Amino acid sequence: MLLMRISRCFARLREYQRRRYSRRQLLELDLHQLKDIGLSRVDAVREGRKPFWKE
């Protein structure tokens, strides 16, 4: 039971780290790259500035 909780906690931390990294990378894309993935600069900034704990 305790091991399962610890495992879930680490999984959540990894997910937070992944979100933080992805959102920072999104803020570094140029307009051409954003267009390729179907996002505007406004969309990218909105997503990129979200706290890591929010989906």
N, C-alpha and C. Protein backbone atom coordinates (compact mmCIF):
# COMPACT_ATOMS: atom_id res chain seq x y z
N MET A 1 0.83 -1.19 0.00
CA MET A 1 0.00 0.00 0.00
C MET A 1 0.87 1.26 0.00
N LEU A 2 1.83 1.32 0.91
CA LEU A 2 2.73 2.47 0.97
C LEU A 2 3.56 2.58 -0.31
N LEU A 3 4.04 1.45 -0.78
CA LEU A 3 4.83 1.44 -2.01
C LEU A 3 4.01 1.95 -3.19
N MET A 4 2.74 1.60 -3.22
CA MET A 4 1.86 2.04 -4.29
C MET A 4 1.67 3.57 -4.23
N ARG A 5 1.51 4.11 -3.05
CA ARG A 5 1.36 5.56 -2.89
C ARG A 5 2.63 6.30 -3.31
N ILE A 6 3.76 5.76 -2.92
CA ILE A 6 5.03 6.37 -3.29
C ILE A 6 5.21 6.35 -4.80
N SER A 7 4.85 5.23 -5.40
CA SER A 7 4.94 5.10 -6.85
C SER A 7 4.06 6.12 -7.56
N ARG A 8 2.84 6.31 -7.07
CA ARG A 8 1.93 7.30 -7.65
C ARG A 8 2.47 8.72 -7.48
N CYS A 9 3.07 8.96 -6.36
CA CYS A 9 3.66 10.28 -6.10
C CYS A 9 4.79 10.58 -7.09
N PHE A 10 5.65 9.60 -7.31
CA PHE A 10 6.74 9.79 -8.29
C PHE A 10 6.20 9.94 -9.70
N ALA A 11 5.15 9.21 -10.02
CA ALA A 11 4.54 9.33 -11.35
C ALA A 11 3.98 10.74 -11.54
N ARG A 12 3.35 11.26 -10.51
CA ARG A 12 2.80 12.62 -10.59
C ARG A 12 3.93 13.64 -10.74
N LEU A 13 5.00 13.46 -10.01
CA LEU A 13 6.15 14.37 -10.13
C LEU A 13 6.75 14.34 -11.53
N ARG A 14 6.84 13.14 -12.12
CA ARG A 14 7.35 13.03 -13.49
C ARG A 14 6.43 13.75 -14.47
N GLU A 15 5.12 13.61 -14.26
CA GLU A 15 4.16 14.29 -15.12
C GLU A 15 4.29 15.81 -14.99
N TYR A 16 4.46 16.31 -13.78
CA TYR A 16 4.66 17.74 -13.57
C TYR A 16 5.92 18.22 -14.28
N GLN A 17 6.97 17.43 -14.17
CA GLN A 17 8.23 17.80 -14.82
C GLN A 17 8.07 17.82 -16.34
N ARG A 18 7.36 16.84 -16.88
CA ARG A 18 7.12 16.78 -18.32
C ARG A 18 6.32 17.99 -18.79
N ARG A 19 5.27 18.35 -18.05
CA ARG A 19 4.46 19.52 -18.42
C ARG A 19 5.30 20.79 -18.39
N ARG A 20 6.09 20.95 -17.35
CA ARG A 20 6.92 22.15 -17.21
C ARG A 20 7.88 22.27 -18.40
N TYR A 21 8.53 21.17 -18.74
CA TYR A 21 9.47 21.16 -19.84
C TYR A 21 8.75 21.46 -21.16
N SER A 22 7.64 20.80 -21.41
CA SER A 22 6.90 20.99 -22.66
C SER A 22 6.42 22.42 -22.82
N ARG A 23 5.94 22.99 -21.74
CA ARG A 23 5.43 24.36 -21.81
C ARG A 23 6.55 25.36 -22.03
N ARG A 24 7.69 25.13 -21.44
CA ARG A 24 8.84 26.01 -21.70
C ARG A 24 9.28 25.91 -23.16
N GLN A 25 9.28 24.70 -23.69
CA GLN A 25 9.67 24.51 -25.09
C GLN A 25 8.68 25.20 -26.01
N LEU A 26 7.42 25.13 -25.68
CA LEU A 26 6.39 25.77 -26.49
C LEU A 26 6.63 27.28 -26.59
N LEU A 27 7.06 27.89 -25.51
CA LEU A 27 7.33 29.33 -25.52
C LEU A 27 8.53 29.70 -26.39
N GLU A 28 9.37 28.74 -26.69
CA GLU A 28 10.56 29.01 -27.50
C GLU A 28 10.35 28.81 -29.00
N LEU A 29 9.20 28.29 -29.40
CA LEU A 29 8.95 28.06 -30.82
C LEU A 29 8.73 29.38 -31.55
N ASP A 30 9.20 29.43 -32.80
CA ASP A 30 8.95 30.63 -33.60
C ASP A 30 7.59 30.50 -34.29
N LEU A 31 7.18 31.56 -34.98
CA LEU A 31 5.85 31.59 -35.59
C LEU A 31 5.64 30.48 -36.63
N HIS A 32 6.69 30.19 -37.39
CA HIS A 32 6.59 29.14 -38.41
C HIS A 32 6.36 27.78 -37.74
N GLN A 33 7.10 27.51 -36.69
CA GLN A 33 6.93 26.24 -35.98
C GLN A 33 5.55 26.14 -35.33
N LEU A 34 5.09 27.24 -34.77
CA LEU A 34 3.75 27.24 -34.17
C LEU A 34 2.68 26.98 -35.23
N LYS A 35 2.86 27.60 -36.40
CA LYS A 35 1.90 27.38 -37.49
C LYS A 35 1.87 25.91 -37.90
N ASP A 36 3.04 25.28 -37.92
CA ASP A 36 3.13 23.86 -38.29
C ASP A 36 2.33 22.97 -37.34
N ILE A 37 2.24 23.36 -36.08
CA ILE A 37 1.49 22.53 -35.13
C ILE A 37 0.09 23.09 -34.87
N GLY A 38 -0.27 24.14 -35.62
CA GLY A 38 -1.63 24.67 -35.55
C GLY A 38 -1.93 25.57 -34.35
N LEU A 39 -0.92 26.26 -33.87
CA LEU A 39 -1.11 27.17 -32.74
C LEU A 39 -0.72 28.58 -33.11
N SER A 40 -1.40 29.53 -32.50
CA SER A 40 -1.00 30.94 -32.64
C SER A 40 -0.05 31.27 -31.50
N ARG A 41 0.58 32.43 -31.59
CA ARG A 41 1.47 32.87 -30.51
C ARG A 41 0.65 33.04 -29.23
N VAL A 42 -0.57 33.56 -29.34
CA VAL A 42 -1.43 33.75 -28.17
C VAL A 42 -1.72 32.40 -27.50
N ASP A 43 -2.05 31.40 -28.31
CA ASP A 43 -2.31 30.05 -27.77
C ASP A 43 -1.08 29.51 -27.05
N ALA A 44 0.07 29.67 -27.68
CA ALA A 44 1.31 29.15 -27.10
C ALA A 44 1.64 29.83 -25.79
N VAL A 45 1.47 31.13 -25.74
CA VAL A 45 1.76 31.87 -24.50
C VAL A 45 0.77 31.47 -23.41
N ARG A 46 -0.49 31.35 -23.78
CA ARG A 46 -1.51 30.95 -22.80
C ARG A 46 -1.17 29.58 -22.20
N GLU A 47 -0.83 28.64 -23.06
CA GLU A 47 -0.48 27.30 -22.57
C GLU A 47 0.86 27.31 -21.85
N GLY A 48 1.82 28.02 -22.39
CA GLY A 48 3.16 28.04 -21.82
C GLY A 48 3.25 28.67 -20.45
N ARG A 49 2.33 29.55 -20.15
CA ARG A 49 2.35 30.23 -18.85
C ARG A 49 1.50 29.55 -17.79
N LYS A 50 0.84 28.46 -18.16
CA LYS A 50 0.07 27.72 -17.16
C LYS A 50 1.01 27.13 -16.12
N PRO A 51 0.58 27.08 -14.88
CA PRO A 51 1.38 26.40 -13.86
C PRO A 51 1.48 24.90 -14.18
N PHE A 52 2.56 24.29 -13.81
CA PHE A 52 2.79 22.88 -14.16
C PHE A 52 1.75 21.94 -13.58
N TRP A 53 1.10 22.33 -12.52
CA TRP A 53 0.13 21.44 -11.88
C TRP A 53 -1.25 21.49 -12.54
N LYS A 54 -1.46 22.43 -13.47
CA LYS A 54 -2.74 22.50 -14.16
C LYS A 54 -2.65 21.78 -15.50
N GLU A 55 -3.69 21.05 -15.82
CA GLU A 55 -3.72 20.34 -17.10
C GLU A 55 -4.12 21.26 -18.21
